[in-house]
Amino acid sequence: MSTCTASSASTPTVRPGLQQVRVRLHVDAPDTPREQIEELVALVENRSPLRDTLISPVDVVTTLA
């Protein structure tokens, strides 16, 4: 069993969260102009709730049941 002291809990050396999220898209649409695909990607990025949550601060509320 691991123990955590007050001093080690208050001064973490490595942030426990993600440092970066990378997205690489492979689109199979040979007859579609790249410009049209880029427009679609921009539209999806602007409407994605997951992306919005990752790039914007969000309050996290923890409660005990």
PDB file of N, CA and C in Angstrom:
ATOM      1  N   MET A   1       0.833  -1.179   0.000  1.00  0.00           N
ATOM      2  CA  MET A   1       0.000   0.000   0.000  1.00  0.00           C
ATOM      3  C   MET A   1       0.873   1.236   0.000  1.00  0.00           C
ATOM      4  N   SER A   2       0.559   2.181  -0.846  1.00  0.00           N
ATOM      5  CA  SER A   2       1.332   3.406  -0.979  1.00  0.00           C
ATOM      6  C   SER A   2       0.785   4.484  -0.061  1.00  0.00           C
ATOM      7  N   THR A   3       1.678   5.272   0.493  1.00  0.00           N
ATOM      8  CA  THR A   3       1.238   6.390   1.327  1.00  0.00           C
ATOM      9  C   THR A   3       1.642   7.688   0.668  1.00  0.00           C
ATOM     10  N   CYS A   4       0.902   8.721   0.943  1.00  0.00           N
ATOM     11  CA  CYS A   4       1.173  10.028   0.363  1.00  0.00           C
ATOM     12  C   CYS A   4       1.250  11.033   1.498  1.00  0.00           C
ATOM     13  N   THR A   5       2.379  11.684   1.645  1.00  0.00           N
ATOM     14  CA  THR A   5       2.515  12.679   2.699  1.00  0.00           C
ATOM     15  C   THR A   5       2.017  14.022   2.192  1.00  0.00           C
ATOM     16  N   ALA A   6       1.738  14.909   3.113  1.00  0.00           N
ATOM     17  CA  ALA A   6       1.238  16.235   2.740  1.00  0.00           C
ATOM     18  C   ALA A   6       2.251  16.977   1.872  1.00  0.00           C
ATOM     19  N   SER A   7       3.533  16.840   2.151  1.00  0.00           N
ATOM     20  CA  SER A   7       4.533  17.567   1.375  1.00  0.00           C
ATOM     21  C   SER A   7       4.639  17.032  -0.053  1.00  0.00           C
ATOM     22  N   SER A   8       4.561  15.717  -0.238  1.00  0.00           N
ATOM     23  CA  SER A   8       4.659  15.178  -1.591  1.00  0.00           C
ATOM     24  C   SER A   8       3.377  15.407  -2.376  1.00  0.00           C
ATOM     25  N   ALA A   9       2.246  15.480  -1.708  1.00  0.00           N
ATOM     26  CA  ALA A   9       0.977  15.698  -2.398  1.00  0.00           C
ATOM     27  C   ALA A   9       0.850  17.137  -2.867  1.00  0.00           C
ATOM     28  N   SER A  10       1.461  18.077  -2.164  1.00  0.00           N
ATOM     29  CA  SER A  10       1.286  19.484  -2.512  1.00  0.00           C
ATOM     30  C   SER A  10       2.301  19.983  -3.538  1.00  0.00           C
ATOM     31  N   THR A  11       3.357  19.221  -3.803  1.00  0.00           N
ATOM     32  CA  THR A  11       4.358  19.672  -4.759  1.00  0.00           C
ATOM     33  C   THR A  11       4.681  18.583  -5.774  1.00  0.00           C
ATOM     34  N   PRO A  12       3.730  18.295  -6.674  1.00  0.00           N
ATOM     35  CA  PRO A  12       4.027  17.262  -7.670  1.00  0.00           C
ATOM     36  C   PRO A  12       5.088  17.763  -8.653  1.00  0.00           C
ATOM     37  N   THR A  13       5.974  16.878  -9.063  1.00  0.00           N
ATOM     38  CA  THR A  13       7.001  17.269 -10.015  1.00  0.00           C
ATOM     39  C   THR A  13       6.536  17.087 -11.453  1.00  0.00           C
ATOM     40  N   VAL A  14       5.572  16.213 -11.653  1.00  0.00           N
ATOM     41  CA  VAL A  14       5.029  15.970 -12.982  1.00  0.00           C
ATOM     42  C   VAL A  14       3.517  16.118 -12.909  1.00  0.00           C
ATOM     43  N   ARG A  15       2.987  16.934 -13.766  1.00  0.00           N
ATOM     44  CA  ARG A  15       1.542  17.121 -13.808  1.00  0.00           C
ATOM     45  C   ARG A  15       0.878  15.797 -14.158  1.00  0.00           C
ATOM     46  N   PRO A  16      -0.193  15.395 -13.445  1.00  0.00           N
ATOM     47  CA  PRO A  16      -0.793  14.085 -13.697  1.00  0.00           C
ATOM     48  C   PRO A  16      -1.661  14.026 -14.952  1.00  0.00           C
ATOM     49  N   GLY A  17      -1.972  15.169 -15.528  1.00  0.00           N
ATOM     50  CA  GLY A  17      -2.854  15.181 -16.696  1.00  0.00           C
ATOM     51  C   GLY A  17      -2.097  15.039 -18.004  1.00  0.00           C
ATOM     52  N   LEU A  18      -2.854  15.116 -19.074  1.00  0.00           N
ATOM     53  CA  LEU A  18      -2.273  15.030 -20.416  1.00  0.00           C
ATOM     54  C   LEU A  18      -1.418  16.251 -20.707  1.00  0.00           C
ATOM     55  N   GLN A  19      -0.339  16.060 -21.408  1.00  0.00           N
ATOM     56  CA  GLN A  19       0.519  17.163 -21.817  1.00  0.00           C
ATOM     57  C   GLN A  19       0.162  17.643 -23.220  1.00  0.00           C
ATOM     58  N   GLN A  20      -0.352  16.736 -24.041  1.00  0.00           N
ATOM     59  CA  GLN A  20      -0.699  17.070 -25.417  1.00  0.00           C
ATOM     60  C   GLN A  20      -1.611  15.981 -25.971  1.00  0.00           C
ATOM     61  N   VAL A  21      -2.515  16.393 -26.836  1.00  0.00           N
ATOM     62  CA  VAL A  21      -3.365  15.446 -27.560  1.00  0.00           C
ATOM     63  C   VAL A  21      -3.139  15.707 -29.040  1.00  0.00           C
ATOM     64  N   ARG A  22      -2.750  14.680 -29.761  1.00  0.00           N
ATOM     65  CA  ARG A  22      -2.518  14.808 -31.200  1.00  0.00           C
ATOM     66  C   ARG A  22      -3.605  14.071 -31.959  1.00  0.00           C
ATOM     67  N   VAL A  23      -4.048  14.682 -33.037  1.00  0.00           N
ATOM     68  CA  VAL A  23      -5.061  14.061 -33.888  1.00  0.00           C
ATOM     69  C   VAL A  23      -4.500  14.022 -35.304  1.00  0.00           C
ATOM     70  N   ARG A  24      -4.515  12.854 -35.898  1.00  0.00           N
ATOM     71  CA  ARG A  24      -4.060  12.708 -37.286  1.00  0.00           C
ATOM     72  C   ARG A  24      -5.189  12.062 -38.068  1.00  0.00           C
ATOM     73  N   LEU A  25      -5.616  12.719 -39.109  1.00  0.00           N
ATOM     74  CA  LEU A  25      -6.740  12.245 -39.896  1.00  0.00           C
ATOM     75  C   LEU A  25      -6.265  11.600 -41.186  1.00  0.00           C
ATOM     76  N   HIS A  26      -6.855  10.472 -41.496  1.00  0.00           N
ATOM     77  CA  HIS A  26      -6.642   9.811 -42.783  1.00  0.00           C
ATOM     78  C   HIS A  26      -8.004   9.811 -43.476  1.00  0.00           C
ATOM     79  N   VAL A  27      -8.119  10.588 -44.533  1.00  0.00           N
ATOM     80  CA  VAL A  27      -9.393  10.730 -45.226  1.00  0.00           C
ATOM     81  C   VAL A  27      -9.307  10.008 -46.561  1.00  0.00           C
ATOM     82  N   ASP A  28     -10.241   9.108 -46.788  1.00  0.00           N
ATOM     83  CA  ASP A  28     -10.301   8.363 -48.046  1.00  0.00           C
ATOM     84  C   ASP A  28     -11.403   8.978 -48.911  1.00  0.00           C
ATOM     85  N   ALA A  29     -11.035  10.010 -49.647  1.00  0.00           N
ATOM     86  CA  ALA A  29     -11.981  10.708 -50.522  1.00  0.00           C
ATOM     87  C   ALA A  29     -11.205  11.228 -51.730  1.00  0.00           C
ATOM     88  N   PRO A  30     -10.790  10.327 -52.614  1.00  0.00           N
ATOM     89  CA  PRO A  30      -9.886  10.697 -53.703  1.00  0.00           C
ATOM     90  C   PRO A  30     -10.451  11.748 -54.666  1.00  0.00           C
ATOM     91  N   ASP A  31     -11.767  11.849 -54.776  1.00  0.00           N
ATOM     92  CA  ASP A  31     -12.349  12.810 -55.712  1.00  0.00           C
ATOM     93  C   ASP A  31     -12.727  14.139 -55.051  1.00  0.00           C
ATOM     94  N   THR A  32     -12.380  14.278 -53.777  1.00  0.00           N
ATOM     95  CA  THR A  32     -12.728  15.493 -53.044  1.00  0.00           C
ATOM     96  C   THR A  32     -11.516  16.415 -52.963  1.00  0.00           C
ATOM     97  N   PRO A  33     -11.688  17.684 -53.339  1.00  0.00           N
ATOM     98  CA  PRO A  33     -10.569  18.626 -53.252  1.00  0.00           C
ATOM     99  C   PRO A  33     -10.106  18.805 -51.799  1.00  0.00           C
ATOM    100  N   ARG A  34      -8.804  18.936 -51.614  1.00  0.00           N
ATOM    101  CA  ARG A  34      -8.232  19.096 -50.270  1.00  0.00           C
ATOM    102  C   ARG A  34      -8.875  20.276 -49.546  1.00  0.00           C
ATOM    103  N   GLU A  35      -9.141  21.350 -50.254  1.00  0.00           N
ATOM    104  CA  GLU A  35      -9.753  22.534 -49.644  1.00  0.00           C
ATOM    105  C   GLU A  35     -11.104  22.184 -49.008  1.00  0.00           C
ATOM    106  N   GLN A  36     -11.878  21.354 -49.660  1.00  0.00           N
ATOM    107  CA  GLN A  36     -13.180  20.948 -49.131  1.00  0.00           C
ATOM    108  C   GLN A  36     -13.014  20.080 -47.875  1.00  0.00           C
ATOM    109  N   ILE A  37     -12.025  19.223 -47.880  1.00  0.00           N
ATOM    110  CA  ILE A  37     -11.749  18.386 -46.699  1.00  0.00           C
ATOM    111  C   ILE A  37     -11.294  19.263 -45.532  1.00  0.00           C
ATOM    112  N   GLU A  38     -10.455  20.244 -45.819  1.00  0.00           N
ATOM    113  CA  GLU A  38      -9.992  21.159 -44.769  1.00  0.00           C
ATOM    114  C   GLU A  38     -11.153  21.949 -44.183  1.00  0.00           C
ATOM    115  N   GLU A  39     -12.105  22.348 -45.010  1.00  0.00           N
ATOM    116  CA  GLU A  39     -13.296  23.053 -44.522  1.00  0.00           C
ATOM    117  C   GLU A  39     -14.112  22.147 -43.605  1.00  0.00           C
ATOM    118  N   LEU A  40     -14.247  20.884 -43.979  1.00  0.00           N
ATOM    119  CA  LEU A  40     -14.981  19.932 -43.151  1.00  0.00           C
ATOM    120  C   LEU A  40     -14.280  19.733 -41.806  1.00  0.00           C
ATOM    121  N   VAL A  41     -12.970  19.602 -41.830  1.00  0.00           N
ATOM    122  CA  VAL A  41     -12.208  19.429 -40.588  1.00  0.00           C
ATOM    123  C   VAL A  41     -12.411  20.648 -39.682  1.00  0.00           C
ATOM    124  N   ALA A  42     -12.349  21.841 -40.240  1.00  0.00           N
ATOM    125  CA  ALA A  42     -12.555  23.058 -39.447  1.00  0.00           C
ATOM    126  C   ALA A  42     -13.958  23.085 -38.846  1.00  0.00           C
ATOM    127  N   LEU A  43     -14.943  22.686 -39.610  1.00  0.00           N
ATOM    128  CA  LEU A  43     -16.319  22.643 -39.121  1.00  0.00           C
ATOM    129  C   LEU A  43     -16.457  21.664 -37.957  1.00  0.00           C
ATOM    130  N   VAL A  44     -15.889  20.488 -38.108  1.00  0.00           N
ATOM    131  CA  VAL A  44     -15.948  19.476 -37.047  1.00  0.00           C
ATOM    132  C   VAL A  44     -15.217  19.967 -35.807  1.00  0.00           C
ATOM    133  N   GLU A  45     -14.042  20.579 -35.978  1.00  0.00           N
ATOM    134  CA  GLU A  45     -13.291  21.102 -34.829  1.00  0.00           C
ATOM    135  C   GLU A  45     -14.109  22.151 -34.074  1.00  0.00           C
ATOM    136  N   ASN A  46     -14.803  23.004 -34.795  1.00  0.00           N
ATOM    137  CA  ASN A  46     -15.583  24.075 -34.153  1.00  0.00           C
ATOM    138  C   ASN A  46     -16.825  23.564 -33.448  1.00  0.00           C
ATOM    139  N   ARG A  47     -17.315  22.402 -33.821  1.00  0.00           N
ATOM    140  CA  ARG A  47     -18.551  21.877 -33.229  1.00  0.00           C
ATOM    141  C   ARG A  47     -18.336  20.691 -32.295  1.00  0.00           C
ATOM    142  N   SER A  48     -17.098  20.276 -32.111  1.00  0.00           N
ATOM    143  CA  SER A  48     -16.813  19.102 -31.288  1.00  0.00           C
ATOM    144  C   SER A  48     -16.850  19.449 -29.800  1.00  0.00           C
ATOM    145  N   PRO A  49     -17.779  18.839 -29.035  1.00  0.00           N
ATOM    146  CA  PRO A  49     -17.811  19.103 -27.599  1.00  0.00           C
ATOM    147  C   PRO A  49     -16.553  18.591 -26.882  1.00  0.00           C
ATOM    148  N   LEU A  50     -16.001  17.494 -27.352  1.00  0.00           N
ATOM    149  CA  LEU A  50     -14.796  16.963 -26.730  1.00  0.00           C
ATOM    150  C   LEU A  50     -13.615  17.913 -26.946  1.00  0.00           C
ATOM    151  N   ARG A  51     -13.434  18.375 -28.158  1.00  0.00           N
ATOM    152  CA  ARG A  51     -12.346  19.315 -28.446  1.00  0.00           C
ATOM    153  C   ARG A  51     -12.519  20.601 -27.639  1.00  0.00           C
ATOM    154  N   ASP A  52     -13.745  21.110 -27.575  1.00  0.00           N
ATOM    155  CA  ASP A  52     -14.009  22.323 -26.811  1.00  0.00           C
ATOM    156  C   ASP A  52     -13.643  22.140 -25.343  1.00  0.00           C
ATOM    157  N   THR A  53     -13.993  20.996 -24.773  1.00  0.00           N
ATOM    158  CA  THR A  53     -13.677  20.722 -23.375  1.00  0.00           C
ATOM    159  C   THR A  53     -12.172  20.642 -23.158  1.00  0.00           C
ATOM    160  N   LEU A  54     -11.462  20.062 -24.112  1.00  0.00           N
ATOM    161  CA  LEU A  54     -10.007  19.919 -23.961  1.00  0.00           C
ATOM    162  C   LEU A  54      -9.261  21.243 -24.090  1.00  0.00           C
ATOM    163  N   ILE A  55      -9.747  22.154 -24.929  1.00  0.00           N
ATOM    164  CA  ILE A  55      -9.000  23.395 -25.154  1.00  0.00           C
ATOM    165  C   ILE A  55      -9.456  24.548 -24.275  1.00  0.00           C
ATOM    166  N   SER A  56     -10.581  24.389 -23.562  1.00  0.00           N
ATOM    167  CA  SER A  56     -11.114  25.458 -22.725  1.00  0.00           C
ATOM    168  C   SER A  56     -11.153  25.011 -21.266  1.00  0.00           C
ATOM    169  N   PRO A  57     -10.876  25.934 -20.369  1.00  0.00           N
ATOM    170  CA  PRO A  57     -10.997  25.572 -18.952  1.00  0.00           C
ATOM    171  C   PRO A  57     -12.429  25.161 -18.631  1.00  0.00           C
ATOM    172  N   VAL A  58     -12.572  24.156 -17.817  1.00  0.00           N
ATOM    173  CA  VAL A  58     -13.897  23.684 -17.415  1.00  0.00           C
ATOM    174  C   VAL A  58     -13.862  23.373 -15.914  1.00  0.00           C
ATOM    175  N   ASP A  59     -14.909  23.768 -15.224  1.00  0.00           N
ATOM    176  CA  ASP A  59     -14.992  23.464 -13.795  1.00  0.00           C
ATOM    177  C   ASP A  59     -15.248  21.968 -13.619  1.00  0.00           C
ATOM    178  N   VAL A  60     -14.560  21.390 -12.672  1.00  0.00           N
ATOM    179  CA  VAL A  60     -14.781  20.000 -12.304  1.00  0.00           C
ATOM    180  C   VAL A  60     -15.242  19.986 -10.855  1.00  0.00           C
ATOM    181  N   VAL A  61     -16.402  19.428 -10.624  1.00  0.00           N
ATOM    182  CA  VAL A  61     -16.974  19.392  -9.274  1.00  0.00           C
ATOM    183  C   VAL A  61     -16.977  17.938  -8.802  1.00  0.00           C
ATOM    184  N   THR A  62     -16.349  17.710  -7.669  1.00  0.00           N
ATOM    185  CA  THR A  62     -16.296  16.360  -7.096  1.00  0.00           C
ATOM    186  C   THR A  62     -17.151  16.341  -5.837  1.00  0.00           C
ATOM    187  N   THR A  63     -18.025  15.357  -5.758  1.00  0.00           N
ATOM    188  CA  THR A  63     -18.858  15.191  -4.561  1.00  0.00           C
ATOM    189  C   THR A  63     -18.831  13.737  -4.137  1.00  0.00           C
ATOM    190  N   LEU A  64     -19.018  13.516  -2.870  1.00  0.00           N
ATOM    191  CA  LEU A  64     -19.130  12.158  -2.350  1.00  0.00           C
ATOM    192  C   LEU A  64     -20.600  11.783  -2.326  1.00  0.00           C
ATOM    193  N   ALA A  65     -20.920  10.589  -2.751  1.00  0.00           N
ATOM    194  CA  ALA A  65     -22.311  10.127  -2.762  1.00  0.00           C
ATOM    195  C   ALA A  65     -22.715   9.671  -1.395  1.00  0.00           C
TER     196      ALA A  65
END
